[in-house]
C-alpha atoms as a PDB file:
ATOM      1  CA  MET A   1     101.607  41.061  23.051  1.00  0.00           C
ATOM      2  CA  ILE A   2     105.016  40.821  21.447  1.00  0.00           C
ATOM      3  CA  ILE A   3     107.083  37.856  20.339  1.00  0.00           C
ATOM      4  CA  ARG A   4     110.746  38.430  21.100  1.00  0.00           C
ATOM      5  CA  GLU A   5     113.986  36.560  21.611  1.00  0.00           C
ATOM      6  CA  PHE A   6     114.488  34.874  24.952  1.00  0.00           C
ATOM      7  CA  ARG A   7     116.737  36.669  27.447  1.00  0.00           C
ATOM      8  CA  PRO A   8     118.519  34.924  30.329  1.00  0.00           C
ATOM      9  CA  LYS A   9     116.378  36.876  32.828  1.00  0.00           C
ATOM     10  CA  ASP A  10     113.337  35.034  31.345  1.00  0.00           C
ATOM     11  CA  LEU A  11     114.669  31.632  32.418  1.00  0.00           C
ATOM     12  CA  ARG A  12     112.869  31.323  35.761  1.00  0.00           C
ATOM     13  CA  LYS A  13     109.427  32.121  34.262  1.00  0.00           C
ATOM     14  CA  VAL A  14     110.004  29.873  31.235  1.00  0.00           C
ATOM     15  CA  TYR A  15     110.932  27.060  33.600  1.00  0.00           C
ATOM     16  CA  GLU A  16     107.757  27.654  35.645  1.00  0.00           C
ATOM     17  CA  ILE A  17     105.660  27.408  32.470  1.00  0.00           C
ATOM     18  CA  GLU A  18     107.565  24.275  31.387  1.00  0.00           C
ATOM     19  CA  GLU A  19     107.067  22.662  34.770  1.00  0.00           C
ATOM     20  CA  THR A  20     103.310  23.297  34.895  1.00  0.00           C
ATOM     21  CA  SER A  21     102.804  22.285  31.245  1.00  0.00           C
ATOM     22  CA  PHE A  22     104.499  18.883  31.063  1.00  0.00           C
ATOM     23  CA  SER A  23     104.593  15.744  33.203  1.00  0.00           C
ATOM     24  CA  ASN A  24     108.252  15.260  32.202  1.00  0.00           C
ATOM     25  CA  PRO A  25     109.508  18.850  32.003  1.00  0.00           C
ATOM     26  CA  TYR A  26     112.999  19.862  30.989  1.00  0.00           C
ATOM     27  CA  ASP A  27     114.938  20.964  34.044  1.00  0.00           C
ATOM     28  CA  ILE A  28     116.152  24.536  34.293  1.00  0.00           C
ATOM     29  CA  GLU A  29     119.738  23.550  33.418  1.00  0.00           C
ATOM     30  CA  MET A  30     118.570  21.930  30.157  1.00  0.00           C
ATOM     31  CA  LEU A  31     116.596  25.036  29.192  1.00  0.00           C
ATOM     32  CA  LYS A  32     119.677  27.180  29.836  1.00  0.00           C
ATOM     33  CA  HIS A  33     121.828  24.708  27.883  1.00  0.00           C
ATOM     34  CA  LEU A  34     119.499  24.864  24.875  1.00  0.00           C
ATOM     35  CA  PHE A  35     119.820  28.651  24.891  1.00  0.00           C
ATOM     36  CA  ASP A  36     123.604  28.462  25.338  1.00  0.00           C
ATOM     37  CA  ILE A  37     124.075  26.135  22.356  1.00  0.00           C
ATOM     38  CA  GLY A  38     122.083  28.431  20.108  1.00  0.00           C
ATOM     39  CA  ALA A  39     118.668  26.827  19.815  1.00  0.00           C
ATOM     40  CA  GLY A  40     115.986  29.201  18.609  1.00  0.00           C
ATOM     41  CA  PHE A  41     114.257  30.484  21.714  1.00  0.00           C
ATOM     42  CA  LEU A  42     111.362  32.938  21.590  1.00  0.00           C
ATOM     43  CA  VAL A  43     108.983  34.191  24.254  1.00  0.00           C
ATOM     44  CA  ALA A  44     105.561  35.786  24.090  1.00  0.00           C
ATOM     45  CA  GLN A  45     105.420  38.809  26.354  1.00  0.00           C
ATOM     46  CA  VAL A  46     102.161  40.394  27.501  1.00  0.00           C
ATOM     47  CA  LYS A  47     102.895  43.704  29.228  1.00  0.00           C
ATOM     48  CA  ASP A  48     105.773  42.733  31.540  1.00  0.00           C
ATOM     49  CA  GLU A  49     104.909  39.049  31.838  1.00  0.00           C
ATOM     50  CA  ILE A  50     106.126  36.002  29.911  1.00  0.00           C
ATOM     51  CA  ALA A  51     102.993  34.256  28.646  1.00  0.00           C
ATOM     52  CA  GLY A  52     104.615  31.456  26.648  1.00  0.00           C
ATOM     53  CA  TYR A  53     107.703  30.271  24.814  1.00  0.00           C
ATOM     54  CA  ILE A  54     108.943  28.109  21.979  1.00  0.00           C
ATOM     55  CA  ILE A  55     112.316  26.398  21.572  1.00  0.00           C
ATOM     56  CA  PHE A  56     113.359  25.054  18.170  1.00  0.00           C
ATOM     57  CA  TRP A  57     116.369  24.215  16.040  1.00  0.00           C
ATOM     58  CA  ILE A  58     117.550  22.789  12.768  1.00  0.00           C
ATOM     59  CA  LYS A  59     117.873  19.115  13.582  1.00  0.00           C
ATOM     60  CA  GLU A  60     118.973  17.827  10.213  1.00  0.00           C
ATOM     61  CA  GLU A  61     119.674  19.400   6.869  1.00  0.00           C
ATOM     62  CA  ASN A  62     116.430  20.913   5.589  1.00  0.00           C
ATOM     63  CA  GLN A  63     114.497  19.816   8.694  1.00  0.00           C
ATOM     64  CA  GLY A  64     113.465  21.912  11.643  1.00  0.00           C
ATOM     65  CA  HIS A  65     112.434  20.589  15.013  1.00  0.00           C
ATOM     66  CA  ILE A  66     110.174  22.060  17.675  1.00  0.00           C
ATOM     67  CA  ILE A  67     111.727  21.135  21.017  1.00  0.00           C
ATOM     68  CA  SER A  68     109.158  22.677  23.323  1.00  0.00           C
ATOM     69  CA  LEU A  69     106.164  24.999  23.097  1.00  0.00           C
ATOM     70  CA  ALA A  70     104.075  25.998  26.093  1.00  0.00           C
ATOM     71  CA  VAL A  71     101.723  28.759  27.164  1.00  0.00           C
ATOM     72  CA  GLU A  72     100.954  29.869  30.710  1.00  0.00           C
ATOM     73  CA  ASN A  73      97.560  28.462  31.729  1.00  0.00           C
ATOM     74  CA  SER A  74      96.012  31.893  32.270  1.00  0.00           C
ATOM     75  CA  TYR A  75      96.923  32.867  28.671  1.00  0.00           C
ATOM     76  CA  LYS A  76      95.678  29.756  26.854  1.00  0.00           C
ATOM     77  CA  ARG A  77      93.115  30.114  24.068  1.00  0.00           C
ATOM     78  CA  GLN A  78      94.414  33.565  23.123  1.00  0.00           C
ATOM     79  CA  LYS A  79      96.376  32.477  19.993  1.00  0.00           C
ATOM     80  CA  ILE A  80      99.727  32.867  21.796  1.00  0.00           C
ATOM     81  CA  GLY A  81     100.850  29.343  20.880  1.00  0.00           C
ATOM     82  CA  SER A  82      99.893  29.954  17.243  1.00  0.00           C
ATOM     83  CA  LYS A  83     101.817  33.235  17.160  1.00  0.00           C
ATOM     84  CA  LEU A  84     104.898  31.585  18.653  1.00  0.00           C
ATOM     85  CA  LEU A  85     104.612  28.804  16.077  1.00  0.00           C
ATOM     86  CA  ASP A  86     104.153  31.359  13.275  1.00  0.00           C
ATOM     87  CA  ALA A  87     107.330  33.149  14.349  1.00  0.00           C
ATOM     88  CA  SER A  88     109.376  29.947  14.393  1.00  0.00           C
ATOM     89  CA  VAL A  89     108.010  28.809  11.011  1.00  0.00           C
ATOM     90  CA  ASN A  90     108.993  32.194   9.563  1.00  0.00           C
ATOM     91  CA  ILE A  91     112.520  31.764  10.906  1.00  0.00           C
ATOM     92  CA  PHE A  92     112.738  28.222   9.528  1.00  0.00           C
ATOM     93  CA  GLN A  93     111.619  29.475   6.109  1.00  0.00           C
ATOM     94  CA  LYS A  94     114.414  32.078   6.118  1.00  0.00           C
ATOM     95  CA  PHE A  95     116.820  29.134   6.374  1.00  0.00           C
ATOM     96  CA  ASP A  96     115.004  27.298   3.567  1.00  0.00           C
ATOM     97  CA  ILE A  97     113.647  24.646   5.954  1.00  0.00           C
ATOM     98  CA  LYS A  98     110.738  22.865   4.280  1.00  0.00           C
ATOM     99  CA  ARG A  99     109.757  20.328   6.939  1.00  0.00           C
ATOM    100  CA  ILE A 100     109.278  20.790  10.681  1.00  0.00           C
ATOM    101  CA  ASN A 101     108.946  17.883  13.096  1.00  0.00           C
ATOM    102  CA  LEU A 102     108.002  17.527  16.740  1.00  0.00           C
ATOM    103  CA  GLU A 103     107.030  14.834  19.205  1.00  0.00           C
ATOM    104  CA  VAL A 104     103.935  14.913  21.386  1.00  0.00           C
ATOM    105  CA  LYS A 105     102.565  12.434  23.914  1.00  0.00           C
ATOM    106  CA  THR A 106      99.887  10.256  22.384  1.00  0.00           C
ATOM    107  CA  GLN A 107      97.589  11.112  25.330  1.00  0.00           C
ATOM    108  CA  ASN A 108      97.986  14.883  24.890  1.00  0.00           C
ATOM    109  CA  LYS A 109      94.817  15.459  22.868  1.00  0.00           C
ATOM    110  CA  GLU A 110      94.892  19.235  23.410  1.00  0.00           C
ATOM    111  CA  ALA A 111      98.378  19.548  21.879  1.00  0.00           C
ATOM    112  CA  ILE A 112      97.635  17.093  19.066  1.00  0.00           C
ATOM    113  CA  ASP A 113      94.475  19.013  18.142  1.00  0.00           C
ATOM    114  CA  PHE A 114      96.401  22.322  18.291  1.00  0.00           C
ATOM    115  CA  TYR A 115      99.130  21.084  15.938  1.00  0.00           C
ATOM    116  CA  LYS A 116      96.633  19.459  13.557  1.00  0.00           C
ATOM    117  CA  ALA A 117      94.664  22.723  13.355  1.00  0.00           C
ATOM    118  CA  TYR A 118      97.924  24.464  12.450  1.00  0.00           C
ATOM    119  CA  GLY A 119      98.566  21.972   9.627  1.00  0.00           C
ATOM    120  CA  PHE A 120     100.771  19.328  11.234  1.00  0.00           C
ATOM    121  CA  PHE A 121     100.008  15.672  10.563  1.00  0.00           C
ATOM    122  CA  CYS A 122     100.943  12.505  12.460  1.00  0.00           C
ATOM    123  CA  ASP A 123     103.843  10.675  10.836  1.00  0.00           C
ATOM    124  CA  GLU A 124     104.342   7.779  13.185  1.00  0.00           C
ATOM    125  CA  LYS A 125     103.839   6.476  16.686  1.00  0.00           C
ATOM    126  CA  ILE A 126     107.036   6.083  18.706  1.00  0.00           C
ATOM    127  CA  LEU A 127     106.797   3.525  21.503  1.00  0.00           C
ATOM    128  CA  ASN A 128     108.389   4.340  24.883  1.00  0.00           C
ATOM    129  CA  TYR A 129     109.617   7.731  23.657  1.00  0.00           C
ATOM    130  CA  TYR A 130     109.505   9.452  27.045  1.00  0.00           C
ATOM    131  CA  GLU A 131     111.539   8.546  30.126  1.00  0.00           C
ATOM    132  CA  ASN A 132     108.429   7.325  31.936  1.00  0.00           C
ATOM    133  CA  GLY A 133     107.621   4.941  29.062  1.00  0.00           C
ATOM    134  CA  ASP A 134     104.868   7.039  27.471  1.00  0.00           C
ATOM    135  CA  ASN A 135     104.450   6.832  23.712  1.00  0.00           C
ATOM    136  CA  ALA A 136     104.673   9.780  21.341  1.00  0.00           C
ATOM    137  CA  PHE A 137     103.439  10.761  17.933  1.00  0.00           C
ATOM    138  CA  ARG A 138     105.943  12.322  15.582  1.00  0.00           C
ATOM    139  CA  MET A 139     104.118  15.126  13.835  1.00  0.00           C
ATOM    140  CA  SER A 140     105.291  17.014  10.756  1.00  0.00           C
ATOM    141  CA  PHE A 141     104.516  20.239   8.991  1.00  0.00           C
ATOM    142  CA  VAL A 142     105.526  20.951   5.414  1.00  0.00           C
ATOM    143  CA  CYS A 143     106.349  24.604   4.735  1.00  0.00           C
ATOM    144  CA  PHE A 144     105.425  26.223   1.457  1.00  0.00           C
ATOM    145  CA  ASP A 145     106.931  29.459   0.224  1.00  0.00           C
ATOM    146  CA  GLU A 146     104.512  32.323  -0.163  1.00  0.00           C
ATOM    147  CA  PHE A 147     104.499  34.066  -3.501  1.00  0.00           C
END
């Protein structure tokens, strides 16, 4: 498996993963737009297949934001999500980002447990965060420089 930068030819597969992973997925035009405006966009490739992706950016000064992270169902539980997260954290650290935030549905126990195991913590509950009225937790991760 390799982690590499997203290429436009990856868009269809990334969208398929997005669509099967979330009840309110980003549409394909939004994914393309995020790439076009320069959001960080990495994919995990196993042989010739896209197994997962992560989209992230610097939201505010000194704060990173994970926009979306998903892994193809057949590749779950193989540390692909962790490796994608590692790669984005490394990029954030190169830009001296010390705090990374994300939002996750309060009902998404699998994702919440994944992020907590990585070192994220719940900051706050955001009511009606999603278009369908679902609530979210804002989760944060504080980066430390390695010596």
